[in-house]
Protein backbone atom coordinates (compact mmCIF):
# COMPACT_ATOMS: atom_id res chain seq x y z
CA GLN A 1 0.23 0.01 -0.13
CA VAL A 2 1.02 3.60 -0.52
CA GLN A 3 -0.10 6.84 1.35
CA LEU A 4 -0.06 10.01 0.62
CA VAL A 5 -0.03 13.09 2.88
CA GLU A 6 -0.72 16.78 1.07
CA SER A 7 0.42 19.81 2.96
CA GLY A 8 1.31 24.04 2.79
CA GLY A 9 -2.61 24.65 2.00
CA GLY A 10 -3.88 28.03 3.20
CA LEU A 11 -5.60 31.37 2.70
CA VAL A 12 -3.72 33.62 0.55
CA GLN A 13 -4.14 37.27 -1.00
CA ALA A 14 -4.78 36.68 -4.79
CA GLY A 15 -1.12 37.47 -6.40
CA GLY A 16 0.60 35.75 -3.69
CA SER A 17 1.90 32.42 -3.77
CA LEU A 18 2.25 28.99 -1.79
CA ARG A 19 4.42 25.56 -2.00
CA LEU A 20 2.42 22.09 -1.82
CA SER A 21 3.70 19.42 -0.34
CA CYS A 22 3.28 15.68 -1.10
CA ALA A 23 4.91 12.62 1.20
CA ALA A 24 4.04 9.50 -0.12
CA SER A 25 5.17 5.98 2.12
CA GLY A 26 4.91 2.43 1.99
CA SER A 27 5.38 -0.16 -0.70
CA ILE A 28 5.92 2.51 -3.61
CA PRO A 29 6.62 1.30 -6.52
CA SER A 30 10.38 2.62 -8.70
CA THR A 31 8.38 3.74 -11.91
CA ASN A 32 5.24 5.97 -11.08
CA VAL A 33 4.09 9.16 -12.37
CA MET A 34 2.66 12.05 -9.62
CA TYR A 35 0.02 14.37 -10.36
CA TRP A 36 -1.59 17.21 -8.24
CA TYR A 37 -5.23 17.97 -9.24
CA ARG A 38 -8.01 19.95 -7.78
CA GLN A 39 -11.59 20.47 -6.73
CA ALA A 40 -13.20 23.58 -6.36
CA LEU A 41 -16.79 23.69 -4.95
CA GLY A 42 -19.30 22.48 -7.29
CA LYS A 43 -16.82 21.55 -9.95
CA GLU A 44 -15.10 18.46 -10.94
CA ARG A 45 -11.77 17.50 -10.37
CA GLU A 46 -9.12 18.24 -12.91
CA VAL A 47 -5.76 17.76 -13.23
CA VAL A 48 -3.13 20.77 -12.66
CA ALA A 49 0.15 19.29 -13.04
CA ARG A 50 2.24 15.93 -13.60
CA ILE A 51 5.58 14.54 -13.24
CA ASN A 52 7.08 10.82 -13.71
CA THR A 53 10.06 9.06 -11.63
CA TYR A 54 12.29 10.78 -14.20
CA GLY A 55 11.63 14.48 -14.20
CA THR A 56 9.19 15.10 -17.06
CA THR A 57 6.35 17.61 -16.55
CA HIS A 58 2.82 18.46 -17.48
CA TYR A 59 0.86 21.03 -16.94
CA ALA A 60 -2.66 22.26 -17.57
CA ASP A 61 -2.95 25.52 -19.68
CA SER A 62 -4.79 27.42 -16.75
CA VAL A 63 -2.05 26.92 -14.47
CA LYS A 64 1.10 26.90 -17.53
CA GLY A 65 3.75 29.98 -16.38
CA ARG A 66 2.60 30.19 -12.32
CA PHE A 67 3.10 26.99 -11.01
CA THR A 68 5.71 24.68 -11.36
CA ILE A 69 6.14 21.13 -10.09
CA SER A 70 9.26 18.78 -8.72
CA ARG A 71 9.75 16.35 -6.76
CA ASP A 72 12.57 14.67 -4.40
CA ASN A 73 12.94 10.96 -5.27
CA ALA A 74 14.94 10.23 -1.94
CA LYS A 75 12.27 11.79 0.21
CA ASN A 76 9.37 10.18 -2.21
CA THR A 77 8.23 13.79 -1.81
CA ILE A 78 6.99 16.08 -4.88
CA TYR A 79 6.12 19.47 -5.04
CA LEU A 80 3.48 22.46 -6.57
CA GLN A 81 5.21 25.84 -6.22
CA MET A 82 1.86 28.00 -6.84
CA ASN A 83 2.85 31.77 -8.11
CA SER A 84 0.71 34.92 -8.92
CA LEU A 85 -2.22 32.77 -7.46
CA GLN A 86 -5.78 34.34 -8.52
CA PRO A 87 -8.92 33.65 -6.52
CA ASN A 88 -10.31 30.93 -8.97
CA ASP A 89 -6.94 28.79 -8.36
CA THR A 90 -9.08 28.21 -4.75
CA ALA A 91 -9.75 24.78 -4.84
CA VAL A 92 -8.66 21.65 -2.60
CA TYR A 93 -5.52 20.40 -3.96
CA TYR A 94 -5.20 16.59 -4.73
CA CYS A 95 -1.45 14.76 -4.51
CA LYS A 96 -2.17 11.41 -6.64
CA LEU A 97 0.45 8.88 -7.70
CA TYR A 98 -0.18 6.15 -10.25
CA ALA A 99 1.99 2.82 -10.40
CA LEU A 100 -0.96 0.92 -12.29
CA ARG A 101 -3.38 1.81 -9.93
CA ASP A 102 -4.38 5.30 -8.33
CA TYR A 103 -3.68 6.63 -4.89
CA TRP A 104 -5.17 9.48 -3.91
CA GLY A 105 -4.21 11.84 -0.51
CA GLN A 106 -6.79 13.37 1.49
CA GLY A 107 -6.33 16.85 0.10
CA THR A 108 -5.54 20.28 1.15
CA GLN A 109 -7.49 23.47 0.75
CA VAL A 110 -6.16 26.39 -1.38
CA THR A 111 -8.33 29.44 -0.81
CA VAL A 112 -7.32 32.79 -2.62
CA SER A 113 -9.04 36.35 -1.63
CA SER A 114 -9.78 38.51 -4.01
């Protein structure tokens, strides 16, 4: 089993920054893809960014140039640096690890005030 724990959410003013972390533990397959998703109130969950074991990244158009995903394989941790935050970035942010199946974290709330 794999456990994922997110941290770093909070309240920030528009234009501000936050850095989210997701620490993985347990039986982690050496080859995997890790994701950040978000779900705003009343909306479907959407992919924000992903990164594979080799560091290849992909971003949703809505966050390109503002968010950066990174990973520390030695710590089994991924990060999401979020800059120039806007009110429509407000959501619960979830970490996911995919390795033949999905593993999800519990989510962390990000609120951006105008």
